[in-house]
Amino acid sequence: MIFRSVIMCLMLAAAMSSIATEAIDGAAIYKQNCAACHGLNREGGVGVNLADKVWLKVKPEKDDLVKFINQGSVAAGMPAWQSVLDKEKIAAVAEFLLNPAATNLVATNSASKADPYPELKKLILPAGFSISVYTDQVENARAMVVAPSGVVFVASRTTGKVFAVIDSNKDYVVDKVITVAEGLDSPIGVTYINGALFISERFRVVRIDNIEKTYTKHPVFKVVKDDFPQDKWHGEKIIKAGPDGKLYIPIGAPCNVCDKESEPFAKIYRMNPDGSDFEVYAKGIRNSVGFAWEPTTKELWFTDNNRDLMGDNMPSCELNHAPKAGMHFGFPYCHSGVVLDPEFGKDRSCNEFIPPAANLGPHVAPLGLAFYEGSQFPEQYKNQLFVAEHGSWNRTQKIGYRVELITMFNNQVVSDTPFIEGFVHGDEVLGRPVDVAFLADGSMLVSDDYLGRLYRVTYTAPKKI
């Protein structure tokens, strides 16, 4: 009888293990880890299209696909996932890619009408602040710019579109979202200057003139500059109008880490709105996806996403301060101001380079940032900096996935503290912040490319008793 009981227990354990393996949701794992590059519906973006099964680097067979996901490919720009996902999860992703569910992966609202966004209750903000969904109709929402009319223009990388988010009667409720431009190559940046909307694609910058009068009429765009390098790795570009009337745009490193000092890569540039006088502003920058200028000094602050494959806890992503042209921030020789690169840092010193104004944490992926100039938030937030952290994709325990508050005094960083957190709970991702902007009433907008949303953050002072 004892022998039979042991056998039955072993059989039950095996069955439970099988059920647990089968319960792993490959579609959910794909959405959390792969969709940012390959698209929510496997349509491609930064990464290749996975929907058609015409894959040049791997056969559409499970064993080959599992091996490819495990080991990655430097040539294809595909990271190795074996240190991030366990073998069961990788197998589940491979199974999903070979036998995708018939349903669309784009988020649908299945919640009750009484509370359409119950997940917002998991987000944590300081006392007096509340967050709501401004719109959920901006698939893969990336950079934003608020025009003087109040229309919010949003770049969408995977759709190749730019959207206009419209609040016609200025009641801070979105009336509609329309497509302004489409057929673009991975647009992630938009900015506004002299009545024109500038859009940064992977390899060029285009402009739509008189945008606030033409955005509803399928406006044509003019090419401003189209001779950027053709490398896809970090080829996507943001764009921002500076207080000097110039446009600022980065060219990222075409690699995880490499020495391209003598080439156009790993630098921030600026140019006139017509594309002329294109010049280097700053060097030694791996991949910046956010620029902002301090309101009183008019000096540039920017984020930088540091290199991968040095472990979970190094190097830290950076917030940098560039008050003048010509500064060098260390890449690829020194990271985070203190970590010499194991390959390119030999015979170099971190003292040669400008250190970060703040180290934000390893792999947190800081993207868009903006200084607060409104009057709705309490006075202590005036001229302080908010940074959207997209979140880690290659770390054992996910971090980032929040909006950070950078407190400054006399142009020096005093502290960095979470302002909105709770977009990640263990392996469960509820959103990925990308950019920060502000509406005329001083409320904050945060874009989320994971769920295709813009969130609105407002402040109400507590009632005095």
Foldseek 3Di string as FASTA:
>chain_A
DVVVVVVVVVVVVVVVVVVVLVPQALLQLCLLFPCLAQNQQQCGFLAHRLQVQPDDPFHLDQVRQLVCQQPPDQVRVGHHCCLADPSSNSSNNSVCSSPPDPDGRFDDQPDDPVPSCVLLVLKDFPPQKGKDFLDLPFALWFDWDQDPVRWIWTDHFPQQWIKTFDDPVPPSHTPDIDTQDHPARRWRAWEDDPLKIWIFHLFFIKIFHNCVVCSVPNTDIGTQDGHHDPQSQLSHWYWYQAPVQKIKIAAADSGLADDPPVHRHQFIWIAHPSNPPIDTFEHAAHHWAEWEAQPPLSWIKTWGAHGDDPAQWDDFTAIATRRGGDFHAAGPQAPQLQRGDPPRVPPHDSVVHDHGLDGDTHQQAWHYKYQQCADQDDPQRHSWMKIFGQWHNRHNWIDHQFIWTFHDDPPGTDDIDTRMDRCDDGSDGNFGWHYWDAGPNRWIWTATNSNSTIMTMGGDDDDDD
